[in-house]
């Protein structure tokens, strides 16, 4: 399976880095520290506005603007 130019299930195992943040700012700050990864996992269960659909969509939009890799959500 190929998602955003990352072939999953073949070749070497992929490296996924988690975003574990309660705010948008924390999430963006974490992303700025990431190096050498294939995809990211957004741990939405830590997010303070996880029940607010608009806030979650805004966070995903901000993350997508910074990353071109797949996002596990």
PDB file of N, CA and C in Angstrom:
ATOM      1  N   UNK A   1       0.842  -1.165   0.000  1.00  0.00           N
ATOM      2  CA  UNK A   1       0.000   0.000   0.000  1.00  0.00           C
ATOM      3  C   UNK A   1       0.900   1.246   0.000  1.00  0.00           C
ATOM      4  N   UNK A   2       0.598   2.187  -0.856  1.00  0.00           N
ATOM      5  CA  UNK A   2       1.369   3.423  -0.939  1.00  0.00           C
ATOM      6  C   UNK A   2       0.461   4.586  -0.525  1.00  0.00           C
ATOM      7  N   UNK A   3       0.913   5.307   0.495  1.00  0.00           N
ATOM      8  CA  UNK A   3       0.186   6.473   0.986  1.00  0.00           C
ATOM      9  C   UNK A   3       1.154   7.650   1.002  1.00  0.00           C
ATOM     10  N   UNK A   4       0.833   8.676   0.227  1.00  0.00           N
ATOM     11  CA  UNK A   4       1.691   9.863   0.138  1.00  0.00           C
ATOM     12  C   UNK A   4       3.156   9.488  -0.088  1.00  0.00           C
ATOM     13  N   UNK A   5       3.390   8.645  -1.065  1.00  0.00           N
ATOM     14  CA  UNK A   5       4.734   8.210  -1.472  1.00  0.00           C
ATOM     15  C   UNK A   5       5.459   7.357  -0.438  1.00  0.00           C
ATOM     16  N   UNK A   6       4.767   6.837   0.557  1.00  0.00           N
ATOM     17  CA  UNK A   6       5.365   5.935   1.537  1.00  0.00           C
ATOM     18  C   UNK A   6       4.756   4.559   1.309  1.00  0.00           C
ATOM     19  N   UNK A   7       5.616   3.589   0.998  1.00  0.00           N
ATOM     20  CA  UNK A   7       5.166   2.218   0.749  1.00  0.00           C
ATOM     21  C   UNK A   7       5.102   1.483   2.087  1.00  0.00           C
ATOM     22  N   UNK A   8       3.890   1.130   2.480  1.00  0.00           N
ATOM     23  CA  UNK A   8       3.682   0.468   3.761  1.00  0.00           C
ATOM     24  C   UNK A   8       3.440  -1.016   3.508  1.00  0.00           C
ATOM     25  N   UNK A   9       4.150  -1.864   4.262  1.00  0.00           N
ATOM     26  CA  UNK A   9       3.969  -3.301   4.134  1.00  0.00           C
ATOM     27  C   UNK A   9       5.024  -3.988   3.305  1.00  0.00           C
ATOM     28  N   UNK A  10       5.948  -3.243   2.733  1.00  0.00           N
ATOM     29  CA  UNK A  10       7.042  -3.820   1.951  1.00  0.00           C
ATOM     30  C   UNK A  10       8.345  -3.169   2.400  1.00  0.00           C
ATOM     31  N   UNK A  11       9.416  -3.818   2.035  1.00  0.00           N
ATOM     32  CA  UNK A  11      10.753  -3.307   2.341  1.00  0.00           C
ATOM     33  C   UNK A  11      10.952  -3.183   3.848  1.00  0.00           C
ATOM     34  N   UNK A  12      11.631  -2.152   4.271  1.00  0.00           N
ATOM     35  CA  UNK A  12      11.955  -1.969   5.687  1.00  0.00           C
ATOM     36  C   UNK A  12      10.755  -1.461   6.470  1.00  0.00           C
ATOM     37  N   UNK A  13      10.715  -1.777   7.789  1.00  0.00           N
ATOM     38  CA  UNK A  13       9.658  -1.221   8.637  1.00  0.00           C
ATOM     39  C   UNK A  13       9.716   0.304   8.626  1.00  0.00           C
ATOM     40  N   UNK A  14       8.582   0.927   8.781  1.00  0.00           N
ATOM     41  CA  UNK A  14       8.496   2.387   8.763  1.00  0.00           C
ATOM     42  C   UNK A  14       8.573   2.941  10.176  1.00  0.00           C
ATOM     43  N   UNK A  15       9.093   4.142  10.292  1.00  0.00           N
ATOM     44  CA  UNK A  15       9.220   4.821  11.585  1.00  0.00           C
ATOM     45  C   UNK A  15       8.091   5.831  11.709  1.00  0.00           C
ATOM     46  N   UNK A  16       7.271   5.658  12.756  1.00  0.00           N
ATOM     47  CA  UNK A  16       6.169   6.584  13.030  1.00  0.00           C
ATOM     48  C   UNK A  16       6.464   7.332  14.317  1.00  0.00           C
ATOM     49  N   UNK A  17       6.381   8.640  14.261  1.00  0.00           N
ATOM     50  CA  UNK A  17       6.585   9.461  15.447  1.00  0.00           C
ATOM     51  C   UNK A  17       5.239   9.969  15.942  1.00  0.00           C
ATOM     52  N   UNK A  18       4.974   9.868  17.254  1.00  0.00           N
ATOM     53  CA  UNK A  18       3.693  10.318  17.789  1.00  0.00           C
ATOM     54  C   UNK A  18       3.688  11.808  18.090  1.00  0.00           C
ATOM     55  N   UNK A  19       2.545  12.423  17.833  1.00  0.00           N
ATOM     56  CA  UNK A  19       2.288  13.785  18.302  1.00  0.00           C
ATOM     57  C   UNK A  19       1.384  13.632  19.519  1.00  0.00           C
ATOM     58  N   UNK A  20       1.929  13.939  20.698  1.00  0.00           N
ATOM     59  CA  UNK A  20       1.192  13.817  21.948  1.00  0.00           C
ATOM     60  C   UNK A  20       1.140  15.213  22.554  1.00  0.00           C
ATOM     61  N   UNK A  21       0.072  15.934  22.249  1.00  0.00           N
ATOM     62  CA  UNK A  21      -0.013  17.336  22.663  1.00  0.00           C
ATOM     63  C   UNK A  21      -1.449  17.670  23.057  1.00  0.00           C
ATOM     64  N   UNK A  22      -1.569  18.605  23.985  1.00  0.00           N
ATOM     65  CA  UNK A  22      -2.911  19.021  24.409  1.00  0.00           C
ATOM     66  C   UNK A  22      -3.383  20.268  23.669  1.00  0.00           C
ATOM     67  N   UNK A  23      -2.461  20.980  23.004  1.00  0.00           N
ATOM     68  CA  UNK A  23      -2.835  22.195  22.277  1.00  0.00           C
ATOM     69  C   UNK A  23      -2.220  22.180  20.877  1.00  0.00           C
ATOM     70  N   UNK A  24      -2.740  23.053  20.020  1.00  0.00           N
ATOM     71  CA  UNK A  24      -2.183  23.190  18.673  1.00  0.00           C
ATOM     72  C   UNK A  24      -0.725  23.629  18.746  1.00  0.00           C
ATOM     73  N   UNK A  25      -0.443  24.572  19.613  1.00  0.00           N
ATOM     74  CA  UNK A  25       0.927  25.088  19.740  1.00  0.00           C
ATOM     75  C   UNK A  25       1.895  23.978  20.149  1.00  0.00           C
ATOM     76  N   UNK A  26       1.511  23.155  21.099  1.00  0.00           N
ATOM     77  CA  UNK A  26       2.366  22.044  21.513  1.00  0.00           C
ATOM     78  C   UNK A  26       2.601  21.073  20.353  1.00  0.00           C
ATOM     79  N   UNK A  27       1.551  20.793  19.601  1.00  0.00           N
ATOM     80  CA  UNK A  27       1.680  19.876  18.459  1.00  0.00           C
ATOM     81  C   UNK A  27       2.661  20.427  17.431  1.00  0.00           C
ATOM     82  N   UNK A  28       2.527  21.695  17.098  1.00  0.00           N
ATOM     83  CA  UNK A  28       3.416  22.325  16.112  1.00  0.00           C
ATOM     84  C   UNK A  28       4.852  22.325  16.623  1.00  0.00           C
ATOM     85  N   UNK A  29       5.037  22.607  17.902  1.00  0.00           N
ATOM     86  CA  UNK A  29       6.380  22.587  18.488  1.00  0.00           C
ATOM     87  C   UNK A  29       6.993  21.191  18.428  1.00  0.00           C
ATOM     88  N   UNK A  30       6.192  20.172  18.694  1.00  0.00           N
ATOM     89  CA  UNK A  30       6.712  18.801  18.617  1.00  0.00           C
ATOM     90  C   UNK A  30       7.152  18.464  17.199  1.00  0.00           C
ATOM     91  N   UNK A  31       6.346  18.846  16.232  1.00  0.00           N
ATOM     92  CA  UNK A  31       6.684  18.546  14.837  1.00  0.00           C
ATOM     93  C   UNK A  31       8.014  19.172  14.450  1.00  0.00           C
ATOM     94  N   UNK A  32       8.302  20.352  14.962  1.00  0.00           N
ATOM     95  CA  UNK A  32       9.556  21.028  14.610  1.00  0.00           C
ATOM     96  C   UNK A  32      10.777  20.274  15.124  1.00  0.00           C
ATOM     97  N   UNK A  33      10.589  19.329  16.048  1.00  0.00           N
ATOM     98  CA  UNK A  33      11.722  18.560  16.582  1.00  0.00           C
ATOM     99  C   UNK A  33      11.898  17.217  15.882  1.00  0.00           C
ATOM    100  N   UNK A  34      10.985  16.860  14.987  1.00  0.00           N
ATOM    101  CA  UNK A  34      11.015  15.551  14.336  1.00  0.00           C
ATOM    102  C   UNK A  34      12.090  15.483  13.254  1.00  0.00           C
ATOM    103  N   UNK A  35      12.788  14.328  13.216  1.00  0.00           N
ATOM    104  CA  UNK A  35      13.798  14.054  12.196  1.00  0.00           C
ATOM    105  C   UNK A  35      13.766  12.558  11.874  1.00  0.00           C
ATOM    106  N   UNK A  36      14.024  12.207  10.642  1.00  0.00           N
ATOM    107  CA  UNK A  36      14.180  10.814  10.217  1.00  0.00           C
ATOM    108  C   UNK A  36      12.967   9.948  10.559  1.00  0.00           C
ATOM    109  N   UNK A  37      11.850  10.236   9.946  1.00  0.00           N
ATOM    110  CA  UNK A  37      10.630   9.482  10.171  1.00  0.00           C
ATOM    111  C   UNK A  37       9.919   9.275   8.838  1.00  0.00           C
ATOM    112  N   UNK A  38       9.007   8.303   8.830  1.00  0.00           N
ATOM    113  CA  UNK A  38       8.250   8.013   7.616  1.00  0.00           C
ATOM    114  C   UNK A  38       6.811   8.518   7.692  1.00  0.00           C
ATOM    115  N   UNK A  39       6.246   8.529   8.895  1.00  0.00           N
ATOM    116  CA  UNK A  39       4.882   8.995   9.103  1.00  0.00           C
ATOM    117  C   UNK A  39       4.725   9.454  10.542  1.00  0.00           C
ATOM    118  N   UNK A  40       3.638  10.139  10.822  1.00  0.00           N
ATOM    119  CA  UNK A  40       3.364  10.591  12.188  1.00  0.00           C
ATOM    120  C   UNK A  40       2.003  10.053  12.632  1.00  0.00           C
ATOM    121  N   UNK A  41       1.876   9.903  13.936  1.00  0.00           N
ATOM    122  CA  UNK A  41       0.622   9.473  14.539  1.00  0.00           C
ATOM    123  C   UNK A  41       0.118  10.594  15.434  1.00  0.00           C
ATOM    124  N   UNK A  42      -1.055  11.090  15.156  1.00  0.00           N
ATOM    125  CA  UNK A  42      -1.659  12.115  16.000  1.00  0.00           C
ATOM    126  C   UNK A  42      -2.446  11.424  17.095  1.00  0.00           C
ATOM    127  N   UNK A  43      -1.946  11.528  18.333  1.00  0.00           N
ATOM    128  CA  UNK A  43      -2.627  10.948  19.494  1.00  0.00           C
ATOM    129  C   UNK A  43      -3.674  11.943  19.965  1.00  0.00           C
ATOM    130  N   UNK A  44      -4.824  11.923  19.314  1.00  0.00           N
ATOM    131  CA  UNK A  44      -5.877  12.898  19.573  1.00  0.00           C
ATOM    132  C   UNK A  44      -6.458  12.750  20.971  1.00  0.00           C
ATOM    133  N   UNK A  45      -6.264  11.602  21.622  1.00  0.00           N
ATOM    134  CA  UNK A  45      -6.797  11.395  22.958  1.00  0.00           C
ATOM    135  C   UNK A  45      -6.155  12.317  24.000  1.00  0.00           C
ATOM    136  N   UNK A  46      -5.027  12.925  23.678  1.00  0.00           N
ATOM    137  CA  UNK A  46      -4.386  13.879  24.584  1.00  0.00           C
ATOM    138  C   UNK A  46      -4.808  15.328  24.312  1.00  0.00           C
ATOM    139  N   UNK A  47      -5.491  15.562  23.230  1.00  0.00           N
ATOM    140  CA  UNK A  47      -5.837  16.910  22.784  1.00  0.00           C
ATOM    141  C   UNK A  47      -6.980  17.484  23.624  1.00  0.00           C
ATOM    142  N   UNK A  48      -6.793  18.710  24.123  1.00  0.00           N
ATOM    143  CA  UNK A  48      -7.776  19.313  25.026  1.00  0.00           C
ATOM    144  C   UNK A  48      -9.135  19.581  24.368  1.00  0.00           C
ATOM    145  N   UNK A  49      -9.168  19.745  23.048  1.00  0.00           N
ATOM    146  CA  UNK A  49     -10.416  20.033  22.342  1.00  0.00           C
ATOM    147  C   UNK A  49     -10.876  18.851  21.497  1.00  0.00           C
ATOM    148  N   UNK A  50     -10.610  17.638  21.958  1.00  0.00           N
ATOM    149  CA  UNK A  50     -10.889  16.475  21.128  1.00  0.00           C
ATOM    150  C   UNK A  50     -12.368  16.288  20.818  1.00  0.00           C
ATOM    151  N   UNK A  51     -13.258  16.881  21.590  1.00  0.00           N
ATOM    152  CA  UNK A  51     -14.692  16.764  21.316  1.00  0.00           C
ATOM    153  C   UNK A  51     -15.227  17.889  20.431  1.00  0.00           C
ATOM    154  N   UNK A  52     -14.362  18.821  20.064  1.00  0.00           N
ATOM    155  CA  UNK A  52     -14.755  19.952  19.232  1.00  0.00           C
ATOM    156  C   UNK A  52     -14.269  19.683  17.796  1.00  0.00           C
ATOM    157  N   UNK A  53     -15.196  19.305  16.937  1.00  0.00           N
ATOM    158  CA  UNK A  53     -14.844  18.912  15.569  1.00  0.00           C
ATOM    159  C   UNK A  53     -14.070  20.005  14.834  1.00  0.00           C
ATOM    160  N   UNK A  54     -14.491  21.258  14.975  1.00  0.00           N
ATOM    161  CA  UNK A  54     -13.824  22.352  14.267  1.00  0.00           C
ATOM    162  C   UNK A  54     -12.372  22.506  14.730  1.00  0.00           C
ATOM    163  N   UNK A  55     -12.143  22.363  16.041  1.00  0.00           N
ATOM    164  CA  UNK A  55     -10.775  22.476  16.560  1.00  0.00           C
ATOM    165  C   UNK A  55      -9.896  21.330  16.064  1.00  0.00           C
ATOM    166  N   UNK A  56     -10.447  20.132  16.033  1.00  0.00           N
ATOM    167  CA  UNK A  56      -9.686  18.983  15.550  1.00  0.00           C
ATOM    168  C   UNK A  56      -9.342  19.159  14.071  1.00  0.00           C
ATOM    169  N   UNK A  57     -10.312  19.602  13.287  1.00  0.00           N
ATOM    170  CA  UNK A  57     -10.051  19.829  11.863  1.00  0.00           C
ATOM    171  C   UNK A  57      -9.011  20.924  11.646  1.00  0.00           C
ATOM    172  N   UNK A  58      -9.046  21.955  12.459  1.00  0.00           N
ATOM    173  CA  UNK A  58      -8.046  23.024  12.360  1.00  0.00           C
ATOM    174  C   UNK A  58      -6.659  22.495  12.700  1.00  0.00           C
ATOM    175  N   UNK A  59      -6.567  21.677  13.730  1.00  0.00           N
ATOM    176  CA  UNK A  59      -5.278  21.080  14.087  1.00  0.00           C
ATOM    177  C   UNK A  59      -4.755  20.217  12.942  1.00  0.00           C
ATOM    178  N   UNK A  60      -5.606  19.384  12.381  1.00  0.00           N
ATOM    179  CA  UNK A  60      -5.190  18.551  11.247  1.00  0.00           C
ATOM    180  C   UNK A  60      -4.734  19.407  10.066  1.00  0.00           C
ATOM    181  N   UNK A  61      -5.424  20.500   9.820  1.00  0.00           N
ATOM    182  CA  UNK A  61      -5.043  21.407   8.736  1.00  0.00           C
ATOM    183  C   UNK A  61      -3.652  21.990   8.987  1.00  0.00           C
ATOM    184  N   UNK A  62      -3.401  22.422  10.219  1.00  0.00           N
ATOM    185  CA  UNK A  62      -2.091  22.987  10.554  1.00  0.00           C
ATOM    186  C   UNK A  62      -0.987  21.949  10.407  1.00  0.00           C
ATOM    187  N   UNK A  63      -1.270  20.721  10.838  1.00  0.00           N
ATOM    188  CA  UNK A  63      -0.275  19.653  10.719  1.00  0.00           C
ATOM    189  C   UNK A  63      -0.011  19.351   9.244  1.00  0.00           C
ATOM    190  N   UNK A  64      -1.060  19.253   8.448  1.00  0.00           N
ATOM    191  CA  UNK A  64      -0.899  18.945   7.025  1.00  0.00           C
ATOM    192  C   UNK A  64      -0.086  20.017   6.314  1.00  0.00           C
ATOM    193  N   UNK A  65      -0.213  21.265   6.726  1.00  0.00           N
ATOM    194  CA  UNK A  65       0.572  22.343   6.112  1.00  0.00           C
ATOM    195  C   UNK A  65       2.065  22.178   6.372  1.00  0.00           C
ATOM    196  N   UNK A  66       2.419  21.497   7.459  1.00  0.00           N
ATOM    197  CA  UNK A  66       3.822  21.326   7.831  1.00  0.00           C
ATOM    198  C   UNK A  66       4.427  20.024   7.313  1.00  0.00           C
ATOM    199  N   UNK A  67       3.589  19.015   7.107  1.00  0.00           N
ATOM    200  CA  UNK A  67       4.088  17.685   6.783  1.00  0.00           C
ATOM    201  C   UNK A  67       3.554  17.201   5.434  1.00  0.00           C
ATOM    202  N   UNK A  68       4.367  16.433   4.738  1.00  0.00           N
ATOM    203  CA  UNK A  68       3.907  15.797   3.506  1.00  0.00           C
ATOM    204  C   UNK A  68       3.741  14.291   3.690  1.00  0.00           C
ATOM    205  N   UNK A  69       4.142  13.772   4.834  1.00  0.00           N
ATOM    206  CA  UNK A  69       4.066  12.339   5.092  1.00  0.00           C
ATOM    207  C   UNK A  69       2.653  11.935   5.535  1.00  0.00           C
ATOM    208  N   UNK A  70       2.369  10.631   5.565  1.00  0.00           N
ATOM    209  CA  UNK A  70       1.078  10.172   6.063  1.00  0.00           C
ATOM    210  C   UNK A  70       0.889  10.521   7.546  1.00  0.00           C
ATOM    211  N   UNK A  71      -0.365  10.735   7.926  1.00  0.00           N
ATOM    212  CA  UNK A  71      -0.724  11.010   9.321  1.00  0.00           C
ATOM    213  C   UNK A  71      -1.685   9.912   9.769  1.00  0.00           C
ATOM    214  N   UNK A  72      -1.297   9.189  10.803  1.00  0.00           N
ATOM    215  CA  UNK A  72      -2.205   8.214  11.414  1.00  0.00           C
ATOM    216  C   UNK A  72      -3.041   8.984  12.429  1.00  0.00           C
ATOM    217  N   UNK A  73      -4.348   8.808  12.314  1.00  0.00           N
ATOM    218  CA  UNK A  73      -5.251   9.588  13.178  1.00  0.00           C
ATOM    219  C   UNK A  73      -6.250   8.664  13.804  1.00  0.00           C
TER     220      UNK A  73
END
